[in-house]
Amino acid sequence: MNWTHFHLALNHLPVVGVPFVAIIFLIALRRRDIAWQRLALWGFVVLFAVSLAAKFTGDFAHEQVVMWPEFDHDLMHVHEEASDQAVTAIFLLGLVSGIALFLSRGGRSLPKWAIATVLVLALASAALLVRTANLGGEIRHPEIRPGFKPPVVEQS
């Protein structure tokens, strides 16, 4: 497994994981299940760590693909900027989740501000992660780029 493969494997986890953990968090809130609420918060903290690892492996992946023919540096730059935004959002999600975990220790309920903040940050993180993943896909998949027209194949 090389850095590009590792980057591609890692970056799928937060893209799928954040919405999945957000759903678990919402169900736990509805059921007033503090243990599951805390589990979801831990999930957000772990997903931040995975996102950070995906971000760092992206730099190594970039070095491996930069010399490929038809490599589009502009697409890579847009993907990297989107990645910075997504990692910032999920960092804030992980930070607020960690604070909420600290404040809810000993069986205490989560502060209402923490619940609202985690939900907003989870939604923002999910949206930014999906955008980043899509932009990353466009680097090697021209068929998903806006305005793509398949080549005309002449039949003989």
Protein backbone atom coordinates (compact mmCIF):
# COMPACT_ATOMS: atom_id res chain seq x y z
CA MET A 1 0.00 0.00 0.00
CA ASN A 2 1.44 3.39 -0.96
CA TRP A 3 0.57 6.86 0.38
CA THR A 4 -2.03 7.51 -2.30
CA HIS A 5 -3.81 4.25 -1.53
CA PHE A 6 -3.64 4.95 2.21
CA HIS A 7 -5.00 8.48 1.67
CA LEU A 8 -7.90 7.18 -0.41
CA ALA A 9 -8.71 4.51 2.17
CA LEU A 10 -8.60 6.93 5.11
CA ASN A 11 -10.59 9.78 3.64
CA HIS A 12 -13.73 7.70 3.19
CA LEU A 13 -14.10 7.12 6.93
CA PRO A 14 -14.94 10.70 7.98
CA VAL A 15 -17.11 11.30 4.90
CA VAL A 16 -19.35 8.37 5.84
CA GLY A 17 -18.64 8.42 9.58
CA VAL A 18 -19.70 11.97 10.47
CA PRO A 19 -23.27 11.62 9.13
CA PHE A 20 -23.52 8.11 10.63
CA VAL A 21 -22.36 9.28 14.08
CA ALA A 22 -24.64 12.33 13.81
CA ILE A 23 -27.61 10.00 13.30
CA ILE A 24 -26.55 7.95 16.33
CA PHE A 25 -26.25 11.20 18.32
CA LEU A 26 -29.74 12.33 17.27
CA ILE A 27 -31.27 8.96 18.19
CA ALA A 28 -29.47 9.00 21.54
CA LEU A 29 -30.75 12.52 22.23
CA ARG A 30 -34.30 11.52 21.38
CA ARG A 31 -34.07 8.49 23.67
CA ARG A 32 -32.25 10.53 26.34
CA ASP A 33 -29.57 7.86 26.47
CA ILE A 34 -26.50 9.50 27.97
CA ALA A 35 -24.24 6.50 27.31
CA TRP A 36 -24.99 6.57 23.57
CA GLN A 37 -24.69 10.35 23.49
CA ARG A 38 -21.21 10.01 24.97
CA LEU A 39 -20.37 7.22 22.50
CA ALA A 40 -21.34 9.49 19.60
CA LEU A 41 -19.21 12.31 21.01
CA TRP A 42 -16.26 9.93 21.23
CA GLY A 43 -17.00 8.97 17.64
CA PHE A 44 -16.64 12.61 16.56
CA VAL A 45 -13.33 12.89 18.42
CA VAL A 46 -12.01 9.73 16.72
CA LEU A 47 -13.23 10.93 13.31
CA PHE A 48 -11.30 14.15 13.78
CA ALA A 49 -8.13 12.11 14.34
CA VAL A 50 -8.83 10.09 11.19
CA SER A 51 -9.49 13.30 9.23
CA LEU A 52 -6.20 14.72 10.39
CA ALA A 53 -4.41 11.55 9.26
CA ALA A 54 -6.17 11.77 5.87
CA LYS A 55 -5.06 15.40 5.56
CA PHE A 56 -1.42 14.54 6.27
CA THR A 57 -1.39 11.54 3.92
CA GLY A 58 -2.79 13.82 1.22
CA ASP A 59 0.51 15.68 1.08
CA PHE A 60 2.38 12.42 0.44
CA ALA A 61 -0.25 11.32 -2.10
CA HIS A 62 0.19 14.63 -3.92
CA GLU A 63 3.92 14.01 -4.27
CA GLN A 64 3.22 10.63 -5.86
CA VAL A 65 0.71 11.83 -8.46
CA VAL A 66 2.08 15.27 -9.38
CA MET A 67 4.14 13.88 -12.27
CA TRP A 68 1.32 11.91 -13.89
CA PRO A 69 0.43 12.91 -17.43
CA GLU A 70 -2.60 15.19 -17.64
CA PHE A 71 -2.33 16.00 -13.92
CA ASP A 72 -4.40 19.10 -13.18
CA HIS A 73 -2.68 21.25 -10.55
CA ASP A 74 -5.68 23.58 -10.31
CA LEU A 75 -8.01 20.72 -9.32
CA MET A 76 -5.51 19.60 -6.69
CA HIS A 77 -5.25 23.13 -5.29
CA VAL A 78 -9.04 23.46 -5.01
CA HIS A 79 -9.20 20.04 -3.32
CA GLU A 80 -6.47 21.03 -0.82
CA GLU A 81 -8.27 24.29 0.06
CA ALA A 82 -11.54 22.41 0.56
CA SER A 83 -9.66 19.91 2.72
CA ASP A 84 -8.36 22.71 4.94
CA GLN A 85 -11.92 23.95 5.46
CA ALA A 86 -13.28 20.46 6.18
CA VAL A 87 -10.49 19.64 8.64
CA THR A 88 -11.06 22.95 10.43
CA ALA A 89 -14.77 22.18 10.78
CA ILE A 90 -14.18 18.66 12.03
CA PHE A 91 -11.47 19.94 14.39
CA LEU A 92 -14.06 22.24 15.95
CA LEU A 93 -16.53 19.33 16.05
CA GLY A 94 -13.97 17.13 17.81
CA LEU A 95 -13.02 19.94 20.21
CA VAL A 96 -16.60 20.74 21.20
CA SER A 97 -17.34 17.01 21.50
CA GLY A 98 -14.35 16.62 23.82
CA ILE A 99 -15.50 19.56 25.93
CA ALA A 100 -19.02 18.11 26.05
CA LEU A 101 -17.59 14.76 27.17
CA PHE A 102 -15.67 16.51 29.93
CA LEU A 103 -18.73 18.45 31.06
CA SER A 104 -20.94 15.35 31.04
CA ARG A 105 -18.62 13.20 33.12
CA GLY A 106 -20.08 11.49 36.16
CA GLY A 107 -23.41 10.87 34.46
CA ARG A 108 -24.35 14.52 34.08
CA SER A 109 -26.44 15.49 31.10
CA LEU A 110 -24.95 17.43 28.21
CA PRO A 111 -25.30 21.21 28.29
CA LYS A 112 -27.90 22.40 25.77
CA TRP A 113 -25.37 24.72 24.10
CA ALA A 114 -23.07 21.74 23.52
CA ILE A 115 -25.85 19.70 21.92
CA ALA A 116 -26.79 22.48 19.53
CA THR A 117 -23.17 23.28 18.70
CA VAL A 118 -22.29 19.64 18.04
CA LEU A 119 -25.29 19.24 15.74
CA VAL A 120 -24.46 22.39 13.74
CA LEU A 121 -20.78 21.46 13.49
CA ALA A 122 -21.65 17.88 12.47
CA LEU A 123 -23.86 19.18 9.66
CA ALA A 124 -21.22 21.68 8.51
CA SER A 125 -18.44 19.08 8.74
CA ALA A 126 -20.44 16.53 6.76
CA ALA A 127 -21.17 19.04 4.00
CA LEU A 128 -17.55 20.19 3.79
CA LEU A 129 -16.24 16.61 3.83
CA VAL A 130 -18.57 15.58 1.00
CA ARG A 131 -17.48 18.63 -1.01
CA THR A 132 -13.81 17.82 -0.39
CA ALA A 133 -14.27 14.18 -1.36
CA ASN A 134 -16.05 15.15 -4.56
CA LEU A 135 -13.31 17.60 -5.49
CA GLY A 136 -10.73 14.91 -4.77
CA GLY A 137 -12.59 12.49 -7.00
CA GLU A 138 -12.50 14.98 -9.85
CA ILE A 139 -8.69 14.84 -9.85
CA ARG A 140 -8.60 11.39 -11.44
CA HIS A 141 -12.21 10.99 -12.60
CA PRO A 142 -13.01 13.48 -15.34
CA GLU A 143 -16.41 11.85 -15.77
CA ILE A 144 -17.65 13.47 -12.54
CA ARG A 145 -16.44 16.96 -13.43
CA PRO A 146 -19.06 19.58 -14.32
CA GLY A 147 -19.61 19.84 -18.05
CA PHE A 148 -18.02 16.47 -18.83
CA LYS A 149 -18.87 15.17 -22.27
CA PRO A 150 -17.96 11.58 -23.07
CA PRO A 151 -15.72 11.11 -26.08
CA VAL A 152 -17.49 10.34 -29.31
CA VAL A 153 -16.72 6.84 -30.44
CA GLU A 154 -17.10 6.24 -34.11
CA GLN A 155 -18.55 2.91 -34.97
CA SER A 156 -17.14 1.06 -37.91
